[in-house]
C-alpha atoms as a PDB file:
ATOM      1  CA  UNK A   1     -36.046  98.485 -32.454  1.00  0.00           C
ATOM      2  CA  UNK A   2     -33.463  95.774 -32.838  1.00  0.00           C
ATOM      3  CA  UNK A   3     -32.963  94.604 -36.659  1.00  0.00           C
ATOM      4  CA  UNK A   4     -31.417  91.160 -36.967  1.00  0.00           C
ATOM      5  CA  UNK A   5     -29.607  91.515 -40.773  1.00  0.00           C
ATOM      6  CA  UNK A   6     -26.967  89.095 -40.625  1.00  0.00           C
ATOM      7  CA  UNK A   7     -28.870  85.842 -42.172  1.00  0.00           C
ATOM      8  CA  UNK A   8     -25.908  84.815 -43.537  1.00  0.00           C
ATOM      9  CA  UNK A   9     -24.378  83.985 -40.191  1.00  0.00           C
ATOM     10  CA  UNK A  10     -27.171  81.076 -40.050  1.00  0.00           C
ATOM     11  CA  UNK A  11     -25.828  78.520 -42.450  1.00  0.00           C
ATOM     12  CA  UNK A  12     -21.798  80.087 -41.649  1.00  0.00           C
ATOM     13  CA  UNK A  13     -22.661  79.212 -38.111  1.00  0.00           C
ATOM     14  CA  UNK A  14     -24.596  75.580 -39.016  1.00  0.00           C
ATOM     15  CA  UNK A  15     -20.959  74.794 -40.801  1.00  0.00           C
ATOM     16  CA  UNK A  16     -18.738  76.303 -37.921  1.00  0.00           C
ATOM     17  CA  UNK A  17     -20.557  74.217 -35.358  1.00  0.00           C
ATOM     18  CA  UNK A  18     -20.473  70.882 -37.024  1.00  0.00           C
ATOM     19  CA  UNK A  19     -16.815  70.960 -37.880  1.00  0.00           C
ATOM     20  CA  UNK A  20     -15.921  72.584 -34.208  1.00  0.00           C
ATOM     21  CA  UNK A  21     -18.227  69.856 -33.038  1.00  0.00           C
ATOM     22  CA  UNK A  22     -16.287  66.952 -34.784  1.00  0.00           C
ATOM     23  CA  UNK A  23     -13.273  68.071 -33.854  1.00  0.00           C
ATOM     24  CA  UNK A  24     -13.923  68.657 -30.460  1.00  0.00           C
ATOM     25  CA  UNK A  25     -14.759  64.841 -30.484  1.00  0.00           C
ATOM     26  CA  UNK A  26     -12.197  63.634 -32.092  1.00  0.00           C
ATOM     27  CA  UNK A  27      -9.775  65.673 -30.053  1.00  0.00           C
ATOM     28  CA  UNK A  28     -11.861  64.411 -26.773  1.00  0.00           C
ATOM     29  CA  UNK A  29     -11.143  60.650 -27.648  1.00  0.00           C
ATOM     30  CA  UNK A  30      -7.453  61.058 -28.514  1.00  0.00           C
ATOM     31  CA  UNK A  31      -6.916  62.646 -24.976  1.00  0.00           C
ATOM     32  CA  UNK A  32      -8.868  60.047 -23.561  1.00  0.00           C
ATOM     33  CA  UNK A  33      -6.766  57.143 -25.372  1.00  0.00           C
ATOM     34  CA  UNK A  34      -9.729  55.050 -24.863  1.00  0.00           C
ATOM     35  CA  UNK A  35     -10.975  55.432 -28.645  1.00  0.00           C
ATOM     36  CA  UNK A  36      -7.861  54.104 -30.339  1.00  0.00           C
ATOM     37  CA  UNK A  37      -7.457  51.014 -27.794  1.00  0.00           C
ATOM     38  CA  UNK A  38     -11.291  50.200 -28.698  1.00  0.00           C
ATOM     39  CA  UNK A  39     -11.022  50.616 -32.305  1.00  0.00           C
ATOM     40  CA  UNK A  40      -7.584  49.138 -32.339  1.00  0.00           C
ATOM     41  CA  UNK A  41      -5.869  51.930 -34.563  1.00  0.00           C
ATOM     42  CA  UNK A  42      -8.624  51.472 -37.646  1.00  0.00           C
ATOM     43  CA  UNK A  43      -9.652  55.035 -39.221  1.00  0.00           C
ATOM     44  CA  UNK A  44     -13.276  56.146 -37.626  1.00  0.00           C
ATOM     45  CA  UNK A  45     -16.388  56.560 -38.946  1.00  0.00           C
ATOM     46  CA  UNK A  46     -18.240  60.036 -37.774  1.00  0.00           C
ATOM     47  CA  UNK A  47     -20.841  57.719 -36.058  1.00  0.00           C
ATOM     48  CA  UNK A  48     -17.825  56.125 -34.018  1.00  0.00           C
ATOM     49  CA  UNK A  49     -17.369  59.396 -31.888  1.00  0.00           C
ATOM     50  CA  UNK A  50     -20.813  58.883 -30.736  1.00  0.00           C
ATOM     51  CA  UNK A  51     -20.604  55.660 -28.968  1.00  0.00           C
ATOM     52  CA  UNK A  52     -18.531  55.590 -26.041  1.00  0.00           C
ATOM     53  CA  UNK A  53     -18.293  58.455 -23.382  1.00  0.00           C
ATOM     54  CA  UNK A  54     -16.784  60.862 -23.105  1.00  0.00           C
ATOM     55  CA  UNK A  55     -17.138  62.309 -26.460  1.00  0.00           C
ATOM     56  CA  UNK A  56     -20.553  60.891 -27.276  1.00  0.00           C
ATOM     57  CA  UNK A  57     -22.236  63.390 -24.939  1.00  0.00           C
ATOM     58  CA  UNK A  58     -20.680  66.295 -27.015  1.00  0.00           C
ATOM     59  CA  UNK A  59     -21.159  64.497 -29.923  1.00  0.00           C
ATOM     60  CA  UNK A  60     -25.285  64.148 -29.257  1.00  0.00           C
ATOM     61  CA  UNK A  61     -25.233  67.687 -28.006  1.00  0.00           C
ATOM     62  CA  UNK A  62     -23.636  69.197 -31.009  1.00  0.00           C
ATOM     63  CA  UNK A  63     -25.724  67.239 -33.814  1.00  0.00           C
ATOM     64  CA  UNK A  64     -28.979  67.826 -32.529  1.00  0.00           C
ATOM     65  CA  UNK A  65     -27.973  71.638 -32.605  1.00  0.00           C
ATOM     66  CA  UNK A  66     -26.743  71.399 -36.130  1.00  0.00           C
ATOM     67  CA  UNK A  67     -30.133  69.637 -36.975  1.00  0.00           C
ATOM     68  CA  UNK A  68     -32.396  72.223 -35.840  1.00  0.00           C
ATOM     69  CA  UNK A  69     -30.380  75.107 -37.256  1.00  0.00           C
ATOM     70  CA  UNK A  70     -30.635  72.842 -40.531  1.00  0.00           C
ATOM     71  CA  UNK A  71     -34.572  72.707 -40.267  1.00  0.00           C
ATOM     72  CA  UNK A  72     -34.780  76.876 -39.737  1.00  0.00           C
ATOM     73  CA  UNK A  73     -32.099  77.367 -42.473  1.00  0.00           C
ATOM     74  CA  UNK A  74     -34.647  74.851 -44.983  1.00  0.00           C
ATOM     75  CA  UNK A  75     -37.609  76.921 -43.582  1.00  0.00           C
ATOM     76  CA  UNK A  76     -36.071  80.354 -44.263  1.00  0.00           C
ATOM     77  CA  UNK A  77     -34.798  79.154 -47.699  1.00  0.00           C
ATOM     78  CA  UNK A  78     -38.072  78.049 -48.668  1.00  0.00           C
ATOM     79  CA  UNK A  79     -39.762  81.604 -47.587  1.00  0.00           C
ATOM     80  CA  UNK A  80     -36.810  83.347 -49.755  1.00  0.00           C
ATOM     81  CA  UNK A  81     -37.123  81.444 -52.760  1.00  0.00           C
ATOM     82  CA  UNK A  82     -41.171  81.567 -52.375  1.00  0.00           C
ATOM     83  CA  UNK A  83     -40.604  85.532 -52.447  1.00  0.00           C
ATOM     84  CA  UNK A  84     -38.553  85.163 -55.411  1.00  0.00           C
ATOM     85  CA  UNK A  85     -40.046  82.892 -57.927  1.00  0.00           C
ATOM     86  CA  UNK A  86     -43.183  82.241 -56.289  1.00  0.00           C
ATOM     87  CA  UNK A  87     -44.482  78.557 -54.380  1.00  0.00           C
ATOM     88  CA  UNK A  88     -43.691  75.362 -56.537  1.00  0.00           C
ATOM     89  CA  UNK A  89     -43.398  71.734 -56.104  1.00  0.00           C
ATOM     90  CA  UNK A  90     -39.574  71.895 -56.456  1.00  0.00           C
ATOM     91  CA  UNK A  91     -39.333  74.504 -53.549  1.00  0.00           C
ATOM     92  CA  UNK A  92     -42.033  72.363 -51.591  1.00  0.00           C
ATOM     93  CA  UNK A  93     -39.826  68.918 -52.300  1.00  0.00           C
ATOM     94  CA  UNK A  94     -36.474  70.507 -51.375  1.00  0.00           C
ATOM     95  CA  UNK A  95     -38.070  71.898 -48.000  1.00  0.00           C
ATOM     96  CA  UNK A  96     -39.384  68.261 -47.148  1.00  0.00           C
ATOM     97  CA  UNK A  97     -35.888  66.639 -47.881  1.00  0.00           C
ATOM     98  CA  UNK A  98     -34.391  69.176 -46.118  1.00  0.00           C
ATOM     99  CA  UNK A  99     -36.838  68.280 -42.895  1.00  0.00           C
ATOM    100  CA  UNK A 100     -36.141  64.657 -43.542  1.00  0.00           C
ATOM    101  CA  UNK A 101     -32.392  65.576 -43.556  1.00  0.00           C
ATOM    102  CA  UNK A 102     -32.506  67.238 -40.051  1.00  0.00           C
ATOM    103  CA  UNK A 103     -34.463  64.362 -38.851  1.00  0.00           C
ATOM    104  CA  UNK A 104     -32.371  61.778 -39.831  1.00  0.00           C
ATOM    105  CA  UNK A 105     -29.468  63.937 -38.133  1.00  0.00           C
ATOM    106  CA  UNK A 106     -31.101  64.048 -34.899  1.00  0.00           C
ATOM    107  CA  UNK A 107     -31.855  60.114 -34.891  1.00  0.00           C
ATOM    108  CA  UNK A 108     -28.039  59.273 -35.745  1.00  0.00           C
ATOM    109  CA  UNK A 109     -27.149  61.466 -32.763  1.00  0.00           C
ATOM    110  CA  UNK A 110     -29.508  60.115 -30.250  1.00  0.00           C
ATOM    111  CA  UNK A 111     -29.181  56.387 -31.139  1.00  0.00           C
ATOM    112  CA  UNK A 112     -25.709  55.360 -31.743  1.00  0.00           C
ATOM    113  CA  UNK A 113     -23.992  52.614 -33.736  1.00  0.00           C
ATOM    114  CA  UNK A 114     -25.110  49.674 -30.938  1.00  0.00           C
ATOM    115  CA  UNK A 115     -25.841  46.112 -31.239  1.00  0.00           C
ATOM    116  CA  UNK A 116     -29.796  46.527 -30.111  1.00  0.00           C
ATOM    117  CA  UNK A 117     -29.659  49.936 -31.925  1.00  0.00           C
ATOM    118  CA  UNK A 118     -28.184  49.455 -35.391  1.00  0.00           C
ATOM    119  CA  UNK A 119     -31.529  49.492 -37.227  1.00  0.00           C
ATOM    120  CA  UNK A 120     -32.473  52.691 -35.817  1.00  0.00           C
ATOM    121  CA  UNK A 121     -28.914  54.198 -36.634  1.00  0.00           C
ATOM    122  CA  UNK A 122     -28.941  53.124 -40.308  1.00  0.00           C
ATOM    123  CA  UNK A 123     -32.177  54.435 -41.178  1.00  0.00           C
ATOM    124  CA  UNK A 124     -31.119  57.860 -39.354  1.00  0.00           C
ATOM    125  CA  UNK A 125     -28.164  57.745 -41.449  1.00  0.00           C
ATOM    126  CA  UNK A 126     -30.036  57.020 -44.762  1.00  0.00           C
ATOM    127  CA  UNK A 127     -32.361  59.969 -43.791  1.00  0.00           C
ATOM    128  CA  UNK A 128     -29.490  62.392 -43.533  1.00  0.00           C
ATOM    129  CA  UNK A 129     -27.010  61.011 -46.415  1.00  0.00           C
ATOM    130  CA  UNK A 130     -30.151  60.363 -48.892  1.00  0.00           C
ATOM    131  CA  UNK A 131     -32.395  62.839 -47.955  1.00  0.00           C
ATOM    132  CA  UNK A 132     -29.500  65.411 -48.032  1.00  0.00           C
ATOM    133  CA  UNK A 133     -28.333  64.460 -51.508  1.00  0.00           C
ATOM    134  CA  UNK A 134     -32.044  64.736 -53.072  1.00  0.00           C
ATOM    135  CA  UNK A 135     -32.200  67.895 -51.322  1.00  0.00           C
ATOM    136  CA  UNK A 136     -29.087  69.296 -52.813  1.00  0.00           C
ATOM    137  CA  UNK A 137     -30.095  68.293 -56.022  1.00  0.00           C
ATOM    138  CA  UNK A 138     -33.059  70.085 -55.997  1.00  0.00           C
ATOM    139  CA  UNK A 139     -31.420  73.258 -54.713  1.00  0.00           C
ATOM    140  CA  UNK A 140     -29.613  72.755 -57.509  1.00  0.00           C
ATOM    141  CA  UNK A 141     -32.207  73.232 -60.016  1.00  0.00           C
ATOM    142  CA  UNK A 142     -33.842  76.231 -57.803  1.00  0.00           C
ATOM    143  CA  UNK A 143     -30.395  77.909 -58.117  1.00  0.00           C
ATOM    144  CA  UNK A 144     -30.306  77.746 -61.905  1.00  0.00           C
ATOM    145  CA  UNK A 145     -33.879  79.697 -61.536  1.00  0.00           C
ATOM    146  CA  UNK A 146     -33.097  81.905 -59.594  1.00  0.00           C
ATOM    147  CA  UNK A 147     -29.653  82.706 -62.058  1.00  0.00           C
ATOM    148  CA  UNK A 148     -31.790  82.676 -65.017  1.00  0.00           C
ATOM    149  CA  UNK A 149     -34.397  85.112 -63.756  1.00  0.00           C
ATOM    150  CA  UNK A 150     -31.597  87.425 -62.598  1.00  0.00           C
ATOM    151  CA  UNK A 151     -29.579  87.029 -65.909  1.00  0.00           C
ATOM    152  CA  UNK A 152     -26.217  86.415 -64.188  1.00  0.00           C
ATOM    153  CA  UNK A 153     -23.366  84.229 -64.643  1.00  0.00           C
ATOM    154  CA  UNK A 154     -24.433  81.104 -62.686  1.00  0.00           C
ATOM    155  CA  UNK A 155     -21.253  80.643 -60.671  1.00  0.00           C
ATOM    156  CA  UNK A 156     -23.123  79.504 -58.054  1.00  0.00           C
ATOM    157  CA  UNK A 157     -24.948  76.731 -59.624  1.00  0.00           C
ATOM    158  CA  UNK A 158     -21.577  75.271 -61.398  1.00  0.00           C
ATOM    159  CA  UNK A 159     -20.463  75.239 -57.466  1.00  0.00           C
ATOM    160  CA  UNK A 160     -23.095  73.560 -56.180  1.00  0.00           C
ATOM    161  CA  UNK A 161     -23.542  70.958 -58.868  1.00  0.00           C
ATOM    162  CA  UNK A 162     -19.875  70.008 -58.378  1.00  0.00           C
ATOM    163  CA  UNK A 163     -20.437  69.319 -54.793  1.00  0.00           C
ATOM    164  CA  UNK A 164     -23.518  67.658 -55.241  1.00  0.00           C
ATOM    165  CA  UNK A 165     -21.537  65.177 -57.635  1.00  0.00           C
ATOM    166  CA  UNK A 166     -18.819  64.918 -55.100  1.00  0.00           C
ATOM    167  CA  UNK A 167     -21.470  64.074 -52.393  1.00  0.00           C
ATOM    168  CA  UNK A 168     -23.761  61.606 -54.755  1.00  0.00           C
ATOM    169  CA  UNK A 169     -20.463  59.515 -56.114  1.00  0.00           C
ATOM    170  CA  UNK A 170     -19.502  59.381 -52.111  1.00  0.00           C
ATOM    171  CA  UNK A 171     -22.744  57.998 -51.040  1.00  0.00           C
ATOM    172  CA  UNK A 172     -22.713  55.546 -53.489  1.00  0.00           C
ATOM    173  CA  UNK A 173     -18.945  54.281 -53.041  1.00  0.00           C
ATOM    174  CA  UNK A 174     -19.892  54.305 -49.524  1.00  0.00           C
ATOM    175  CA  UNK A 175     -22.907  51.994 -50.072  1.00  0.00           C
ATOM    176  CA  UNK A 176     -20.979  49.791 -51.876  1.00  0.00           C
ATOM    177  CA  UNK A 177     -18.012  49.397 -49.763  1.00  0.00           C
ATOM    178  CA  UNK A 178     -20.121  48.979 -46.355  1.00  0.00           C
ATOM    179  CA  UNK A 179     -21.716  45.774 -48.446  1.00  0.00           C
ATOM    180  CA  UNK A 180     -18.356  44.343 -48.906  1.00  0.00           C
ATOM    181  CA  UNK A 181     -17.214  44.733 -45.394  1.00  0.00           C
ATOM    182  CA  UNK A 182     -20.603  43.372 -43.983  1.00  0.00           C
ATOM    183  CA  UNK A 183     -21.910  41.089 -46.944  1.00  0.00           C
ATOM    184  CA  UNK A 184     -18.370  39.679 -47.933  1.00  0.00           C
ATOM    185  CA  UNK A 185     -16.227  40.357 -45.083  1.00  0.00           C
ATOM    186  CA  UNK A 186     -14.050  42.706 -46.575  1.00  0.00           C
ATOM    187  CA  UNK A 187     -11.000  43.476 -43.686  1.00  0.00           C
ATOM    188  CA  UNK A 188     -10.552  47.202 -45.480  1.00  0.00           C
ATOM    189  CA  UNK A 189     -12.265  50.235 -43.612  1.00  0.00           C
ATOM    190  CA  UNK A 190     -10.373  52.520 -45.081  1.00  0.00           C
ATOM    191  CA  UNK A 191     -12.356  53.137 -48.547  1.00  0.00           C
ATOM    192  CA  UNK A 192     -15.725  53.172 -46.580  1.00  0.00           C
ATOM    193  CA  UNK A 193     -14.191  55.777 -43.937  1.00  0.00           C
ATOM    194  CA  UNK A 194     -12.809  58.013 -46.648  1.00  0.00           C
ATOM    195  CA  UNK A 195     -15.949  57.921 -48.550  1.00  0.00           C
ATOM    196  CA  UNK A 196     -18.009  59.143 -45.739  1.00  0.00           C
ATOM    197  CA  UNK A 197     -15.599  61.814 -44.486  1.00  0.00           C
ATOM    198  CA  UNK A 198     -15.677  63.531 -47.823  1.00  0.00           C
ATOM    199  CA  UNK A 199     -19.389  63.052 -48.331  1.00  0.00           C
ATOM    200  CA  UNK A 200     -19.922  64.554 -44.866  1.00  0.00           C
ATOM    201  CA  UNK A 201     -17.651  67.904 -45.755  1.00  0.00           C
ATOM    202  CA  UNK A 202     -19.144  68.251 -49.225  1.00  0.00           C
ATOM    203  CA  UNK A 203     -22.430  68.808 -47.654  1.00  0.00           C
ATOM    204  CA  UNK A 204     -21.275  70.939 -44.897  1.00  0.00           C
ATOM    205  CA  UNK A 205     -19.939  73.121 -48.041  1.00  0.00           C
ATOM    206  CA  UNK A 206     -22.864  72.986 -49.761  1.00  0.00           C
ATOM    207  CA  UNK A 207     -24.902  74.768 -46.870  1.00  0.00           C
ATOM    208  CA  UNK A 208     -22.369  76.766 -46.435  1.00  0.00           C
ATOM    209  CA  UNK A 209     -22.833  78.339 -50.221  1.00  0.00           C
ATOM    210  CA  UNK A 210     -26.455  79.216 -49.226  1.00  0.00           C
ATOM    211  CA  UNK A 211     -24.995  82.023 -47.233  1.00  0.00           C
ATOM    212  CA  UNK A 212     -25.092  83.765 -50.735  1.00  0.00           C
ATOM    213  CA  UNK A 213     -28.872  83.654 -50.598  1.00  0.00           C
ATOM    214  CA  UNK A 214     -29.039  84.048 -46.790  1.00  0.00           C
ATOM    215  CA  UNK A 215     -27.193  87.600 -47.179  1.00  0.00           C
ATOM    216  CA  UNK A 216     -30.598  88.786 -48.991  1.00  0.00           C
ATOM    217  CA  UNK A 217     -32.945  88.329 -46.126  1.00  0.00           C
ATOM    218  CA  UNK A 218     -33.638  90.035 -43.289  1.00  0.00           C
ATOM    219  CA  UNK A 219     -34.762  88.209 -40.486  1.00  0.00           C
ATOM    220  CA  UNK A 220     -37.447  89.032 -37.596  1.00  0.00           C
ATOM    221  CA  UNK A 221     -37.550  92.493 -36.400  1.00  0.00           C
ATOM    222  CA  UNK A 222     -37.700  92.408 -32.820  1.00  0.00           C
ATOM    223  CA  UNK A 223     -39.322  95.819 -31.174  1.00  0.00           C
ATOM    224  CA  UNK A 224     -39.428  96.299 -27.712  1.00  0.00           C
ATOM    225  CA  UNK A 225     -41.496  98.796 -26.026  1.00  0.00           C
ATOM    226  CA  UNK A 226     -41.544 100.202 -22.308  1.00  0.00           C
ATOM    227  CA  UNK A 227     -44.753 100.641 -20.491  1.00  0.00           C
ATOM    228  CA  UNK A 228     -44.826 102.972 -17.650  1.00  0.00           C
ATOM    229  CA  UNK A 229     -46.922 101.293 -14.563  1.00  0.00           C
ATOM    230  CA  UNK A 230     -49.197 103.732 -13.416  1.00  0.00           C
ATOM    231  CA  UNK A 231     -49.070 104.976  -9.734  1.00  0.00           C
ATOM    232  CA  UNK A 232     -53.091 105.189  -9.634  1.00  0.00           C
ATOM    233  CA  UNK A 233     -54.920 101.950  -8.735  1.00  0.00           C
ATOM    234  CA  UNK A 234     -58.102 100.868 -10.520  1.00  0.00           C
ATOM    235  CA  UNK A 235     -60.233 101.478  -6.895  1.00  0.00           C
ATOM    236  CA  UNK A 236     -58.701 105.180  -7.121  1.00  0.00           C
ATOM    237  CA  UNK A 237     -59.781 105.768 -10.962  1.00  0.00           C
ATOM    238  CA  UNK A 238     -63.183 104.633 -10.369  1.00  0.00           C
ATOM    239  CA  UNK A 239     -63.293 107.043  -7.622  1.00  0.00           C
ATOM    240  CA  UNK A 240     -62.554 109.833  -9.605  1.00  0.00           C
ATOM    241  CA  UNK A 241     -65.140 108.770 -12.703  1.00  0.00           C
ATOM    242  CA  UNK A 242     -67.875 108.749  -9.846  1.00  0.00           C
ATOM    243  CA  UNK A 243     -66.938 112.306  -8.349  1.00  0.00           C
ATOM    244  CA  UNK A 244     -66.576 113.729 -12.114  1.00  0.00           C
ATOM    245  CA  UNK A 245     -70.001 112.631 -12.531  1.00  0.00           C
ATOM    246  CA  UNK A 246     -71.110 113.825  -9.243  1.00  0.00           C
ATOM    247  CA  UNK A 247     -69.437 117.179  -9.534  1.00  0.00           C
ATOM    248  CA  UNK A 248     -70.925 117.791 -13.626  1.00  0.00           C
ATOM    249  CA  UNK A 249     -74.568 117.232 -12.109  1.00  0.00           C
ATOM    250  CA  UNK A 250     -74.602 120.579 -10.269  1.00  0.00           C
ATOM    251  CA  UNK A 251     -73.868 121.878 -13.483  1.00  0.00           C
ATOM    252  CA  UNK A 252     -76.550 120.791 -15.562  1.00  0.00           C
ATOM    253  CA  UNK A 253     -79.129 121.594 -12.700  1.00  0.00           C
ATOM    254  CA  UNK A 254     -77.910 125.269 -13.049  1.00  0.00           C
ATOM    255  CA  UNK A 255     -78.052 125.068 -17.052  1.00  0.00           C
ATOM    256  CA  UNK A 256     -81.714 123.520 -16.405  1.00  0.00           C
ATOM    257  CA  UNK A 257     -82.754 126.839 -13.742  1.00  0.00           C
ATOM    258  CA  UNK A 258     -81.249 129.378 -15.770  1.00  0.00           C
ATOM    259  CA  UNK A 259     -83.215 128.250 -19.001  1.00  0.00           C
ATOM    260  CA  UNK A 260     -86.133 128.190 -16.945  1.00  0.00           C
ATOM    261  CA  UNK A 261     -85.766 131.823 -15.434  1.00  0.00           C
ATOM    262  CA  UNK A 262     -85.414 133.448 -19.176  1.00  0.00           C
ATOM    263  CA  UNK A 263     -88.443 132.007 -20.222  1.00  0.00           C
ATOM    264  CA  UNK A 264     -90.330 133.089 -16.482  1.00  0.00           C
ATOM    265  CA  UNK A 265     -89.165 136.724 -17.801  1.00  0.00           C
ATOM    266  CA  UNK A 266     -89.980 136.586 -21.152  1.00  0.00           C
ATOM    267  CA  UNK A 267     -93.453 135.496 -20.457  1.00  0.00           C
END
């Protein structure tokens, strides 16, 4: 019997995988020196690492795994909240927006920022960031309910509210700066890039804080049993059963004959 009790490693692993993947993509891009030539020394968006080989292959791999881990984490958190305060529309909505966020991350990874894929990429980015913002605020409300039930100091609620506020402000700034760049031909990319990176790490830190709830979750119990293979074949077992029936039949006849002899003597 093996018990997987370290469920707090799931949000920590999600955060570590995403951060290490982004840093690895940046390192590959710098080592190749092709990325800097293509961008002419301008700061990089997160999506820029998924445009060119070889860093784009690692980008797709890491973010698809992150999307899968996020889906499992959202499902586990949904079950945890159901066990604590029961099912509610708030919990269902948080799970739905978590699924939208994980799907958006996968879309962003699989459809890079290119001329014929811009619309799909923007849709995936909107699903990931907007869905993540709504999910963060819904989880903040759920955290407040859990804190009230346990009558404890809501330090976790304050941390998550701060991260959600930073995430919301950054997504508004990011959308505004992108509008200025693509609609008004504004030449400065730095404010939009900085807003996106802060927004990304605020969302990662928010998911990392969920390790507090996951430390109280026990995962699936995997039971392994060893079945010893019998040396007897099915044909041999059938023969033994037939032989037992045949061998038992004379005993029954002897019992009947003994009863008849007793009756004859008595008569």
